[in-house]
Protein backbone atom coordinates (compact mmCIF):
# COMPACT_ATOMS: atom_id res chain seq x y z
CA MET A 1 -8.39 177.53 -175.28
CA ARG A 2 -6.54 179.07 -178.23
CA VAL A 3 -9.57 181.28 -178.90
CA ILE A 4 -9.16 182.52 -175.33
CA LEU A 5 -5.49 183.22 -176.04
CA TRP A 6 -6.30 185.53 -178.95
CA LEU A 7 -9.04 187.25 -176.98
CA ALA A 8 -6.43 187.81 -174.26
CA ALA A 9 -4.06 189.23 -176.88
CA ILE A 10 -6.78 191.65 -178.00
CA ALA A 11 -7.23 192.67 -174.37
CA VAL A 12 -3.47 193.31 -174.07
CA ALA A 13 -3.61 195.44 -177.23
CA PHE A 14 -6.50 197.48 -175.88
CA ALA A 15 -4.72 198.06 -172.57
CA ALA A 16 -1.59 199.12 -174.49
CA ALA A 17 -3.69 201.51 -176.57
CA ASP A 18 -4.97 203.08 -173.36
CA THR A 19 -1.38 203.89 -172.38
CA TYR A 20 -0.89 206.03 -175.49
CA VAL A 21 -4.42 207.39 -175.86
CA VAL A 22 -3.87 209.59 -172.79
CA VAL A 23 -1.09 211.49 -174.58
CA LEU A 24 -3.64 213.30 -176.74
CA ALA A 25 -6.43 213.38 -174.14
CA LEU A 26 -4.32 214.73 -171.24
CA PRO A 27 -5.08 218.46 -171.76
CA ASP A 28 -8.83 217.76 -171.88
CA MET A 29 -8.60 215.45 -168.87
CA MET A 30 -6.83 218.18 -166.92
CA ALA A 31 -9.52 220.70 -167.85
CA GLY A 32 -12.16 218.18 -166.74
CA VAL A 33 -10.85 218.25 -163.16
CA GLY A 34 -10.18 222.00 -163.07
CA LEU A 35 -6.49 222.11 -164.03
CA SER A 36 -5.08 224.49 -166.62
CA ILE A 37 -2.39 223.50 -169.11
CA GLU A 38 0.11 225.60 -167.11
CA GLU A 39 -0.40 223.18 -164.18
CA LEU A 40 1.02 220.21 -166.08
CA GLN A 41 3.24 219.21 -163.15
CA ARG A 42 0.15 218.72 -160.95
CA ALA A 43 -1.20 216.27 -163.56
CA ALA A 44 1.93 214.09 -163.29
CA PRO A 45 0.13 211.64 -160.92
CA LEU A 46 -2.14 210.71 -163.83
CA ILE A 47 0.93 209.14 -165.43
CA SER A 48 2.75 207.93 -162.31
CA GLY A 49 -0.50 206.52 -160.86
CA PHE A 50 -1.01 204.38 -163.96
CA LEU A 51 2.63 203.23 -163.87
CA LEU A 52 2.39 202.34 -160.17
CA GLY A 53 -0.58 200.11 -160.87
CA TYR A 54 1.06 198.64 -163.97
CA VAL A 55 4.47 197.87 -162.52
CA ALA A 56 4.68 197.91 -158.73
CA VAL A 57 2.48 194.88 -158.00
CA LEU A 58 3.18 192.99 -161.23
CA PRO A 59 5.41 190.31 -159.63
CA LEU A 60 2.64 189.54 -157.13
CA ILE A 61 0.09 189.27 -159.94
CA GLY A 62 2.44 187.00 -161.87
CA ARG A 63 2.74 184.74 -158.82
CA LEU A 64 -1.05 184.70 -158.43
CA ALA A 65 -1.38 183.66 -162.08
CA ASP A 66 0.91 180.69 -161.40
CA LEU A 67 -1.03 179.76 -158.26
CA LEU A 68 -4.66 180.34 -159.27
CA GLY A 69 -4.42 179.83 -163.03
CA HIS A 70 -3.97 182.21 -165.92
CA LEU A 71 -7.64 182.55 -166.88
CA PRO A 72 -8.84 183.85 -163.49
CA VAL A 73 -6.08 186.46 -163.57
CA LEU A 74 -7.00 187.42 -167.15
CA VAL A 75 -10.65 187.87 -166.24
CA GLY A 76 -9.77 189.64 -163.01
CA GLY A 77 -7.38 191.95 -164.84
CA LEU A 78 -10.07 192.89 -167.35
CA VAL A 79 -12.60 193.55 -164.58
CA VAL A 80 -10.13 195.77 -162.71
CA PHE A 81 -9.23 197.56 -165.95
CA ALA A 82 -12.93 198.17 -166.68
CA PHE A 83 -13.48 199.37 -163.09
CA GLY A 84 -10.57 201.81 -163.40
CA SER A 85 -11.97 203.08 -166.70
CA PHE A 86 -15.36 203.61 -165.03
CA LEU A 87 -13.79 205.62 -162.20
CA THR A 88 -11.67 207.68 -164.60
CA ALA A 89 -14.58 208.48 -166.92
CA LEU A 90 -16.69 209.80 -164.05
CA SER A 91 -13.93 211.53 -162.07
CA TRP A 92 -14.76 215.00 -160.79
CA ASP A 93 -11.39 215.81 -159.21
CA LEU A 94 -7.73 214.89 -159.63
CA ALA A 95 -7.69 212.43 -156.71
CA ALA A 96 -10.56 210.35 -158.11
CA MET A 97 -8.96 210.36 -161.57
CA VAL A 98 -5.60 209.21 -160.20
CA VAL A 99 -7.30 206.32 -158.38
CA GLY A 100 -9.05 205.37 -161.60
CA ARG A 101 -5.80 205.47 -163.56
CA PHE A 102 -4.13 203.32 -160.87
CA PHE A 103 -6.75 200.60 -161.28
CA GLN A 104 -6.45 200.84 -165.06
CA GLY A 105 -2.72 200.22 -164.78
CA LEU A 106 -3.24 197.41 -162.29
CA GLY A 107 -5.69 195.61 -164.54
CA GLY A 108 -3.79 196.28 -167.77
CA GLY A 109 -0.50 195.12 -166.29
CA ALA A 110 -2.02 191.84 -165.13
CA LEU A 111 -2.92 190.89 -168.71
CA VAL A 112 0.63 190.70 -170.08
CA PRO A 113 2.30 188.00 -167.92
CA ALA A 114 -0.91 185.94 -167.83
CA THR A 115 -1.12 185.96 -171.63
CA LEU A 116 2.57 185.09 -172.10
CA ALA A 117 2.27 182.27 -169.58
CA LEU A 118 -0.84 181.03 -171.39
CA VAL A 119 1.24 180.76 -174.58
CA ALA A 120 3.77 178.64 -172.69
CA ALA A 121 0.99 176.41 -171.38
CA LEU A 122 -0.52 175.85 -174.85
CA TYR A 123 2.62 175.43 -176.99
CA PRO A 124 5.81 173.35 -176.58
CA THR A 125 9.09 175.24 -176.31
CA GLU A 126 10.09 174.89 -179.96
CA ARG A 127 6.69 176.16 -181.22
CA ARG A 128 6.28 179.22 -178.98
CA GLY A 129 8.12 181.68 -181.22
CA VAL A 130 5.26 182.41 -183.62
CA PRO A 131 2.47 182.81 -181.01
CA LEU A 132 4.79 184.91 -178.84
CA GLY A 133 5.58 187.04 -181.88
CA LEU A 134 1.89 187.42 -182.68
CA VAL A 135 1.02 188.36 -179.09
CA SER A 136 3.87 190.90 -179.09
CA ALA A 137 2.69 192.21 -182.46
CA VAL A 138 -0.87 192.66 -181.24
CA GLN A 139 0.41 194.37 -178.11
CA GLU A 140 2.51 196.81 -180.12
CA LEU A 141 -0.40 197.32 -182.51
CA GLY A 142 -2.15 198.84 -179.52
CA SER A 143 0.49 201.55 -179.40
CA VAL A 144 -0.35 202.33 -183.04
CA LEU A 145 -4.09 202.36 -182.45
CA GLY A 146 -3.93 204.36 -179.21
CA PRO A 147 -3.30 207.81 -180.70
CA LEU A 148 -5.69 207.08 -183.58
CA ILE A 149 -8.48 205.98 -181.23
CA GLY A 150 -7.89 209.01 -179.04
CA ALA A 151 -7.92 211.40 -181.98
CA GLY A 152 -11.05 209.79 -183.43
CA VAL A 153 -13.00 209.87 -180.17
CA LEU A 154 -11.92 213.42 -179.33
CA ALA A 155 -13.06 214.55 -182.77
CA VAL A 156 -16.67 213.55 -182.05
CA ALA A 157 -17.03 213.32 -178.27
CA ASP A 158 -15.69 214.32 -174.86
CA TRP A 159 -12.55 212.70 -173.42
CA ARG A 160 -14.73 210.69 -171.05
CA ALA A 161 -15.99 208.67 -174.02
CA ILE A 162 -12.51 207.14 -174.35
CA PHE A 163 -12.75 205.54 -170.94
CA LEU A 164 -16.39 204.56 -171.34
CA LEU A 165 -15.29 202.70 -174.47
CA ASN A 166 -12.61 200.98 -172.37
CA LEU A 167 -15.32 200.03 -169.87
CA VAL A 168 -17.50 198.40 -172.52
CA VAL A 169 -14.63 196.52 -174.19
CA GLY A 170 -13.22 195.34 -170.85
CA VAL A 171 -16.58 193.97 -169.66
CA VAL A 172 -17.35 192.26 -172.99
CA LEU A 173 -13.93 190.57 -173.11
CA ALA A 174 -14.11 189.51 -169.44
CA VAL A 175 -17.57 187.95 -169.88
CA THR A 176 -16.58 186.23 -173.13
CA ILE A 177 -13.33 184.77 -171.76
CA ARG A 178 -15.08 183.60 -168.59
CA ARG A 179 -17.85 181.87 -170.55
CA LEU A 180 -15.37 180.19 -172.88
CA GLY A 181 -13.35 179.09 -169.88
CA ARG A 182 -16.42 177.66 -168.15
CA SER A 183 -17.27 175.69 -171.31
CA ASP A 184 -13.99 173.84 -170.89
CA PRO A 185 -14.61 170.89 -168.48
CA ALA A 186 -11.20 171.38 -166.95
CA LEU A 187 -12.01 175.00 -166.09
CA ALA A 188 -15.70 174.80 -165.25
CA ARG A 189 -16.92 175.86 -161.82
CA SER A 190 -20.38 175.41 -160.39
CA THR A 191 -21.14 178.84 -158.97
CA ARG A 192 -24.42 180.62 -158.39
CA PRO A 193 -24.77 184.39 -158.53
CA ASP A 194 -24.94 186.19 -155.20
CA LEU A 195 -28.02 188.38 -155.60
CA ILE A 196 -27.38 190.43 -152.47
CA ALA A 197 -23.81 191.21 -153.57
CA LEU A 198 -25.04 192.15 -157.04
CA LEU A 199 -27.70 194.48 -155.58
CA LEU A 200 -25.10 196.17 -153.38
CA LEU A 201 -22.82 196.61 -156.40
CA LEU A 202 -25.69 198.05 -158.46
CA LEU A 203 -26.58 200.47 -155.63
CA ALA A 204 -22.95 201.62 -155.34
CA GLY A 205 -22.74 202.12 -159.11
CA ILE A 206 -25.95 204.17 -159.33
CA ALA A 207 -24.96 206.33 -156.36
CA PHE A 208 -21.50 206.94 -157.83
CA VAL A 209 -22.89 207.91 -161.23
CA LEU A 210 -25.35 210.39 -159.66
CA LEU A 211 -22.53 211.73 -157.50
CA ALA A 212 -20.29 212.25 -160.52
CA ILE A 213 -22.68 213.79 -163.06
CA GLU A 214 -24.72 215.91 -160.60
CA PRO A 215 -27.94 216.16 -162.67
CA ALA A 216 -29.40 219.65 -162.30
CA ALA A 217 -32.92 218.30 -161.69
CA LEU A 218 -31.73 216.55 -158.52
CA VAL A 219 -29.20 219.12 -157.30
CA GLN A 220 -31.69 221.98 -157.50
CA ASP A 221 -34.61 220.05 -156.02
CA LEU A 222 -35.46 221.09 -152.44
CA THR A 223 -35.80 217.49 -151.30
CA TRP A 224 -33.39 215.48 -153.45
CA GLY A 225 -30.79 218.24 -153.34
CA ALA A 226 -30.00 217.21 -149.78
CA LEU A 227 -28.23 214.17 -151.24
CA TYR A 228 -25.49 216.52 -152.46
CA VAL A 229 -24.93 218.42 -149.19
CA PRO A 230 -21.71 217.27 -147.42
CA ALA A 231 -22.02 216.35 -143.75
CA ALA A 232 -18.69 218.10 -143.19
CA GLY A 233 -16.20 219.96 -145.35
CA SER A 234 -16.72 220.21 -149.09
CA THR A 235 -15.79 216.78 -150.46
CA ARG A 236 -18.46 214.87 -152.34
CA TRP A 237 -17.54 211.67 -150.52
CA LEU A 238 -19.15 213.04 -147.33
CA THR A 239 -22.48 213.73 -149.02
CA PRO A 240 -25.30 211.18 -148.49
CA LEU A 241 -24.67 209.86 -152.02
CA GLY A 242 -20.96 209.57 -151.33
CA LEU A 243 -21.57 207.69 -148.09
CA ILE A 244 -24.03 205.37 -149.84
CA THR A 245 -21.37 204.64 -152.46
CA ILE A 246 -18.76 203.85 -149.82
CA ILE A 247 -21.03 201.72 -147.61
CA ALA A 248 -22.55 199.78 -150.53
CA THR A 249 -19.10 199.11 -151.97
CA LEU A 250 -17.77 197.86 -148.65
CA GLY A 251 -20.89 195.73 -148.24
CA PHE A 252 -20.34 194.19 -151.69
CA VAL A 253 -16.69 193.43 -150.92
CA LEU A 254 -17.56 191.82 -147.58
CA LYS A 255 -20.49 189.83 -148.96
CA TRP A 256 -18.48 188.65 -151.93
CA GLY A 257 -15.49 187.85 -149.74
CA LEU A 258 -17.58 185.63 -147.44
CA ARG A 259 -18.48 183.21 -150.25
CA PRO A 260 -16.94 179.75 -149.63
CA GLY A 261 -15.09 179.72 -152.95
CA VAL A 262 -13.61 183.16 -152.38
CA ARG A 263 -12.63 182.31 -148.83
CA SER A 264 -10.89 179.19 -150.11
CA VAL A 265 -8.93 181.20 -152.67
CA LEU A 266 -8.00 183.85 -150.11
CA GLY A 267 -6.88 181.08 -147.77
CA ARG A 268 -4.62 179.65 -150.46
CA ILE A 269 -3.17 183.07 -151.17
CA THR A 270 -2.49 183.71 -147.50
CA ALA A 271 -0.94 180.29 -147.03
CA GLU A 272 1.02 179.94 -150.27
CA VAL A 273 1.99 183.48 -151.32
CA ASP A 274 4.81 185.38 -149.71
CA LEU A 275 2.83 188.56 -149.03
CA LEU A 276 5.58 190.25 -147.02
CA GLY A 277 8.10 189.68 -149.80
CA ALA A 278 5.58 190.94 -152.36
CA LEU A 279 5.00 194.07 -150.26
CA LEU A 280 8.73 194.81 -149.93
CA LEU A 281 9.29 194.28 -153.65
CA SER A 282 6.32 196.52 -154.51
CA ILE A 283 7.66 199.31 -152.29
CA ALA A 284 11.09 199.00 -153.92
CA LEU A 285 9.57 199.23 -157.42
CA ALA A 286 7.27 202.07 -156.37
CA GLY A 287 10.28 204.03 -155.10
CA VAL A 288 12.01 203.73 -158.49
CA ILE A 289 8.85 204.60 -160.42
CA LEU A 290 8.03 207.68 -158.35
CA ALA A 291 11.64 208.88 -158.31
CA PHE A 292 11.82 209.03 -162.10
CA ALA A 293 8.16 209.66 -162.96
CA THR A 294 8.07 212.80 -160.79
CA ALA A 295 11.36 214.16 -162.15
CA ASP A 296 11.69 217.39 -164.08
CA PRO A 297 14.31 216.51 -166.73
CA GLU A 298 15.16 220.21 -167.15
CA VAL A 299 16.63 220.13 -163.64
CA ALA A 300 17.88 216.59 -162.97
CA VAL A 301 17.34 212.93 -163.73
CA PHE A 302 15.12 212.76 -160.64
CA SER A 303 13.70 215.44 -158.39
CA GLU A 304 14.81 216.37 -154.89
CA GLN A 305 11.76 214.56 -153.58
CA GLY A 306 12.72 211.67 -155.84
CA VAL A 307 15.88 211.15 -153.80
CA TRP A 308 13.73 210.20 -150.83
CA TYR A 309 11.67 207.88 -153.02
CA LEU A 310 14.89 206.16 -154.04
CA VAL A 311 16.05 205.92 -150.43
CA ALA A 312 12.75 204.32 -149.41
CA GLY A 313 12.91 201.98 -152.39
CA GLY A 314 16.51 201.06 -151.62
CA LEU A 315 15.70 200.24 -147.99
CA ALA A 316 12.76 198.12 -149.13
CA LEU A 317 15.03 196.33 -151.59
CA LEU A 318 17.56 195.57 -148.85
CA GLY A 319 14.74 194.23 -146.71
CA PHE A 320 13.54 192.15 -149.64
CA VAL A 321 16.98 190.62 -150.22
CA PHE A 322 17.31 189.82 -146.50
CA HIS A 323 13.79 188.36 -146.51
CA LEU A 324 14.58 186.10 -149.49
CA ARG A 325 17.38 184.46 -147.54
CA ARG A 326 15.13 183.66 -144.58
CA ALA A 327 11.69 183.00 -146.06
CA GLN A 328 10.68 179.38 -146.49
CA ASP A 329 8.74 179.97 -149.74
CA PRO A 330 9.67 183.47 -150.99
CA ILE A 331 7.74 185.38 -153.68
CA VAL A 332 10.73 184.81 -155.99
CA PRO A 333 11.65 181.13 -155.49
CA ARG A 334 15.31 180.32 -155.08
CA GLY A 335 16.78 179.36 -158.40
CA ALA A 336 13.95 180.95 -160.42
CA PHE A 337 16.49 182.96 -162.41
CA ALA A 338 19.44 180.60 -161.97
CA ARG A 339 20.01 180.04 -165.69
CA THR A 340 21.77 182.82 -167.57
CA PRO A 341 19.09 183.35 -170.28
CA ALA A 342 16.45 183.81 -167.56
CA TRP A 343 18.05 186.74 -165.75
CA GLY A 344 19.61 187.86 -169.02
CA SER A 345 16.14 188.37 -170.53
CA VAL A 346 15.27 190.70 -167.67
CA LEU A 347 18.47 192.72 -168.09
CA ILE A 348 18.02 192.94 -171.87
CA SER A 349 14.41 194.09 -171.43
CA PHE A 350 15.66 197.01 -169.33
CA PHE A 351 17.93 198.31 -172.11
CA VAL A 352 15.29 197.63 -174.78
CA GLY A 353 12.88 199.85 -172.81
CA ALA A 354 15.50 202.57 -172.32
CA ALA A 355 16.14 202.70 -176.08
CA LEU A 356 12.52 202.30 -177.18
CA VAL A 357 11.24 205.25 -175.17
CA ALA A 358 13.58 207.59 -177.07
CA ALA A 359 11.79 206.73 -180.31
CA LEU A 360 8.32 206.96 -178.78
CA ILE A 361 8.92 210.38 -177.20
CA ASP A 362 11.60 212.12 -179.22
CA VAL A 363 10.65 211.28 -182.81
CA PRO A 364 7.38 213.27 -182.43
CA LEU A 365 9.31 216.01 -180.60
CA PHE A 366 11.79 216.20 -183.47
CA ALA A 367 8.88 216.42 -185.93
CA ARG A 368 7.31 219.31 -184.00
CA THR A 369 10.64 221.10 -183.74
CA THR A 370 11.45 220.88 -187.46
CA ILE A 371 8.38 220.72 -189.72
CA TYR A 372 5.08 220.51 -187.85
CA GLY A 373 5.35 223.32 -185.29
CA ASP A 374 2.40 223.22 -182.90
CA SER A 375 0.54 220.34 -184.59
CA GLN A 376 0.85 217.59 -182.00
CA LEU A 377 -1.32 215.19 -184.02
CA LYS A 378 0.73 215.49 -187.23
CA ALA A 379 3.94 215.05 -185.25
CA ALA A 380 2.55 211.92 -183.56
CA LEU A 381 1.55 210.47 -186.93
CA VAL A 382 5.21 210.53 -188.01
CA LEU A 383 5.81 207.83 -185.42
CA LEU A 384 3.30 205.53 -187.14
CA GLU A 385 5.97 204.50 -189.65
CA PHE A 386 8.01 203.17 -186.73
CA LEU A 387 5.06 201.65 -184.86
CA VAL A 388 3.58 199.87 -187.88
CA ALA A 389 6.94 198.21 -188.60
CA LEU A 390 7.33 197.08 -184.98
CA PRO A 391 4.57 194.41 -184.96
CA VAL A 392 5.73 193.22 -188.39
CA GLY A 393 9.16 192.68 -186.89
CA ALA A 394 7.61 190.91 -183.88
CA VAL A 395 5.89 188.35 -186.13
CA ALA A 396 9.07 187.87 -188.17
CA GLY A 397 11.06 187.39 -184.96
CA GLY A 398 8.61 184.73 -183.86
CA PHE A 399 9.03 182.79 -187.12
CA LEU A 400 12.82 183.06 -187.01
CA THR A 401 12.93 181.79 -183.42
CA ARG A 402 11.90 178.37 -184.72
CA ARG A 403 15.17 177.98 -186.65
CA LEU A 404 17.74 180.41 -185.28
CA PRO A 405 19.10 180.94 -181.74
CA ALA A 406 17.15 183.52 -179.73
CA GLY A 407 20.29 185.52 -178.98
CA VAL A 408 21.17 185.87 -182.66
CA ILE A 409 17.70 187.15 -183.59
CA ALA A 410 17.37 189.55 -180.65
CA GLY A 411 20.96 190.75 -181.13
CA ALA A 412 20.44 191.39 -184.84
CA GLY A 413 17.19 193.23 -184.14
CA MET A 414 18.69 195.52 -181.52
CA LEU A 415 21.75 196.12 -183.70
CA LEU A 416 19.40 197.23 -186.49
CA ALA A 417 17.65 199.54 -184.00
CA ALA A 418 21.02 200.95 -182.89
CA VAL A 419 21.99 201.69 -186.51
CA ALA A 420 18.63 203.42 -187.04
CA PHE A 421 19.30 205.66 -184.03
CA VAL A 422 22.76 206.50 -185.38
CA PHE A 423 21.11 207.80 -188.57
CA MET A 424 18.51 209.70 -186.49
CA ALA A 425 21.36 211.36 -184.62
CA ARG A 426 22.45 212.88 -187.97
CA TRP A 427 19.05 214.17 -189.10
CA ASP A 428 18.88 217.84 -190.14
CA ALA A 429 15.89 220.15 -190.11
CA ASP A 430 14.55 218.81 -193.42
CA ALA A 431 15.25 215.11 -192.75
CA LEU A 432 11.63 214.08 -192.21
CA ARG A 433 10.70 215.36 -195.66
CA SER A 434 12.91 212.68 -197.22
CA ILE A 435 12.10 209.04 -197.95
CA ALA A 436 15.37 208.17 -196.22
CA ALA A 437 13.81 209.11 -192.86
CA THR A 438 10.95 206.68 -193.53
CA VAL A 439 13.49 203.92 -194.22
CA VAL A 440 15.25 204.69 -190.93
CA LEU A 441 12.00 204.67 -188.93
CA VAL A 442 10.83 201.43 -190.51
CA ALA A 443 14.22 199.81 -189.87
CA GLY A 444 14.14 200.90 -186.24
CA GLY A 445 10.63 199.52 -185.73
CA LEU A 446 11.57 196.22 -187.37
CA GLY A 447 14.64 195.97 -185.16
CA PHE A 448 12.75 196.40 -181.92
CA GLY A 449 10.05 194.01 -183.11
CA LEU A 450 12.57 191.29 -183.95
CA ALA A 451 13.84 191.30 -180.36
CA LEU A 452 10.48 190.88 -178.57
CA ALA A 453 9.61 187.22 -179.23
CA PRO A 454 13.15 185.80 -178.73
CA VAL A 455 13.55 187.52 -175.36
CA ASN A 456 10.18 186.24 -174.12
CA ALA A 457 10.83 182.78 -175.57
CA ALA A 458 14.21 182.62 -173.80
CA ILE A 459 12.84 183.29 -170.33
CA LEU A 460 9.94 180.87 -170.84
CA ALA A 461 12.30 178.15 -172.06
CA THR A 462 14.68 178.45 -169.10
CA THR A 463 12.24 178.75 -166.18
CA ALA A 464 9.83 176.23 -164.70
CA GLN A 465 6.26 176.27 -166.04
CA SER A 466 4.96 176.73 -162.52
CA MET A 467 6.75 180.12 -162.42
CA HIS A 468 6.03 181.46 -165.92
CA GLY A 469 3.58 184.11 -164.71
CA LEU A 470 6.10 185.39 -162.17
CA THR A 471 9.18 185.31 -164.39
CA THR A 472 7.55 186.97 -167.40
CA SER A 473 6.24 189.69 -165.11
CA PHE A 474 9.86 190.64 -164.40
CA THR A 475 10.58 191.20 -168.10
CA VAL A 476 7.59 193.56 -168.26
CA VAL A 477 8.73 195.35 -165.10
CA ALA A 478 12.29 195.68 -166.41
CA ARG A 479 11.10 197.11 -169.72
CA MET A 480 8.85 199.69 -168.04
CA VAL A 481 11.53 200.69 -165.53
CA GLY A 482 14.00 200.97 -168.40
CA MET A 483 11.62 203.33 -170.19
CA LEU A 484 11.29 205.51 -167.08
CA VAL A 485 15.01 205.65 -166.37
CA GLY A 486 15.80 206.09 -170.06
CA ILE A 487 13.50 209.03 -170.68
CA SER A 488 14.68 210.82 -167.53
CA ALA A 489 18.40 210.26 -168.15
CA LEU A 490 18.40 210.82 -171.91
CA THR A 491 16.20 213.91 -171.71
CA THR A 492 18.37 215.45 -169.00
CA ILE A 493 21.53 214.81 -171.03
CA GLY A 494 19.84 216.12 -174.17
CA LEU A 495 18.75 219.31 -172.45
CA ARG A 496 22.31 219.97 -171.38
CA SER A 497 23.31 219.78 -175.03
CA TYR A 498 20.51 222.21 -175.85
CA TYR A 499 21.63 224.72 -173.22
CA ALA A 500 25.25 224.38 -174.35
CA ALA A 501 24.27 224.99 -177.99
CA GLN A 502 22.05 227.90 -176.97
CA ALA A 503 24.89 229.46 -174.98
CA ASP A 504 27.04 229.46 -178.12
CA LEU A 505 24.45 231.37 -180.14
CA PRO A 506 25.22 234.98 -181.09
CA SER A 507 23.13 237.69 -179.50
CA LEU A 508 19.72 238.43 -180.97
CA SER A 509 20.71 242.00 -181.84
CA SER A 510 23.72 240.85 -183.85
CA VAL A 511 21.59 238.53 -185.98
CA CYS A 512 18.35 240.51 -186.26
CA THR A 513 19.03 244.16 -186.95
CA GLY A 514 15.36 245.00 -187.50
CA GLY A 515 14.26 244.04 -183.97
CA GLY A 516 11.88 241.24 -182.99
CA MET A 517 12.42 237.53 -183.59
CA CYS A 518 13.74 237.24 -187.16
CA GLN A 519 13.79 234.00 -189.12
CA ASP A 520 17.57 233.65 -188.99
CA TYR A 521 17.61 233.63 -185.19
CA GLN A 522 14.64 231.27 -185.12
CA ASP A 523 16.62 228.88 -187.30
CA LEU A 524 19.50 229.04 -184.84
CA LEU A 525 17.16 228.12 -181.96
CA ILE A 526 15.81 225.21 -183.97
CA GLY A 527 19.40 224.10 -184.54
CA ALA A 528 19.97 224.06 -180.77
CA ALA A 529 16.81 221.96 -180.28
CA ILE A 530 17.99 219.55 -183.00
CA ALA A 531 21.30 219.20 -181.15
CA GLN A 532 19.31 218.13 -178.08
CA GLU A 533 17.47 215.44 -180.05
CA HIS A 534 20.73 214.25 -181.61
CA THR A 535 22.12 213.66 -178.12
CA VAL A 536 19.02 211.69 -177.09
CA PHE A 537 19.15 209.54 -180.24
CA ALA A 538 22.86 208.89 -179.73
CA GLY A 539 22.20 207.78 -176.15
CA ALA A 540 19.40 205.51 -177.38
CA ALA A 541 21.81 204.00 -179.93
CA VAL A 542 24.19 203.14 -177.08
CA CYS A 543 21.35 201.49 -175.09
CA ALA A 544 20.24 199.49 -178.14
CA ALA A 545 23.81 198.40 -178.85
CA ILE A 546 24.21 197.23 -175.23
CA ALA A 547 20.97 195.24 -175.59
CA ALA A 548 22.33 193.69 -178.81
CA VAL A 549 25.58 192.57 -177.20
CA LEU A 550 23.81 191.24 -174.10
CA SER A 551 21.37 189.31 -176.30
CA VAL A 552 24.14 187.49 -178.15
CA VAL A 553 26.09 186.74 -174.95
CA LEU A 554 23.34 185.97 -172.42
CA LEU A 555 20.69 184.25 -174.54
CA ARG A 556 23.18 181.92 -176.17
CA GLY A 557 22.08 178.80 -174.29
CA ALA A 558 18.32 179.30 -174.46
CA PRO A 559 16.68 176.16 -175.98
CA THR A 560 14.02 178.00 -177.98
CA ARG A 561 14.30 176.62 -181.50
CA ALA A 562 13.10 173.39 -183.09
CA LEU A 563 15.87 170.89 -183.77
CA SER A 564 16.76 170.04 -187.36
CA PRO A 565 16.74 166.33 -188.35
CA SER A 566 20.54 166.10 -188.06
CA GLU A 567 20.49 167.82 -184.65
CA THR A 568 17.76 165.45 -183.49
CA VAL A 569 19.89 162.43 -184.41
CA THR A 570 22.88 163.95 -182.61
CA ALA A 571 20.78 164.66 -179.52
CA LEU A 572 19.55 161.05 -179.50
């Protein structure tokens, strides 16, 4: 079973890498579906679609992990992630690519709470710190590998190769974990393959591939070319190949769904899962995600359309709260977060995400503004100093959780991160050329890493084992929502500082007497951009400091550490 745990951790790392690999591949992905770089706003659904899949249904997936077992959810998450990668790799328009990214997020998001809950199932409370730290470290390692994998693949192949690689890795891990799980007598199931369902799936896959790649030999053939002629309109889905794909896929789903084992599982889900509550909660989360993910920070924290997303999300949240009071067995059981460290972990995760996103986004931006100009890759590599230190801190935090209170470790880590941001808020144009900047970045990464394992250990130690999948899903949701709100709010505030600094600049003619854009005026513009980044870093320092204080106060009673001999005698 512990081999399965580390395979699951590798899967989490690969899903995390996919989140960051898109940063470099996005321009090529846009070109692949006919969008120019000037149409960046139209490509926003590629990001928001992934986040919707990753976050909006995560509480439901966490509940399913508690009900059906962590291994089925792990395997299912990998299969869905591989399916989303397959769709994305072969997308021919923006809509198909967004659907693929949604399934990638859905599958990738399912891996995190299932893996954390698996740690809780395998290790007693006082021994969870190290494995939680290692899982967190491997997850954050994915954020380091993501840009490197993307850059490496793009150097030798098309962007589609990135997602085909995801497909292969996802399938291999899913098959391996399933086989290892079946070798365990407690997990074994006597199932026979459904040949008809497999044939329908194979037919749908072949038709979809031919539909996506449009081989010239078939398209130009007088007979086979008819497969690419739409029955109506111009969409490929209404071509004979498109219809075959749809019908074969529906046939597979129906045939697979009629199997006795599947019907039994679906019956349990219908009977034991609060689907209405899950739907209301998903709509509430989706409203928040879309409101901030579709925002243009140059205008406001969220867009005009985002206001309506927030209204819809707020109404759904009110309905969810009302439903919780009346439902017999709600999606979030009564008392699930009754203990302070449980709900405190969720709140702390929000502020950790809000602070962390400033480093992930604005450190590379600062590097481009000051020393690397238009080199996006070199600017991204500056962040590696931060990202490499983060998993090191996560492992260290796991070890320390054995002996020290979770609140002390998480508080110290976030305080270190806050101090790092304070130094970043004082960087000048040449700061990144100094070894001092490396020290600051490493310290910040270590600080964030130190906080990961204690926060996860606290919520696992103060919630029932039967709810670990659900409760840990809320820490993931809170962190992702914190990142969305943080980047929108901090960027908007930072831009206001930029515009204020720009307004105070002297006129171009008074600085550059020779005409054109002289170096002195360019330096003044860079100074205004640095002022913007200073504001963002200062805001991130405040968020990190809030997380530090909350950690010390709210995680104080979490029973996460092993007792010393003297404490054991006292307890007895």
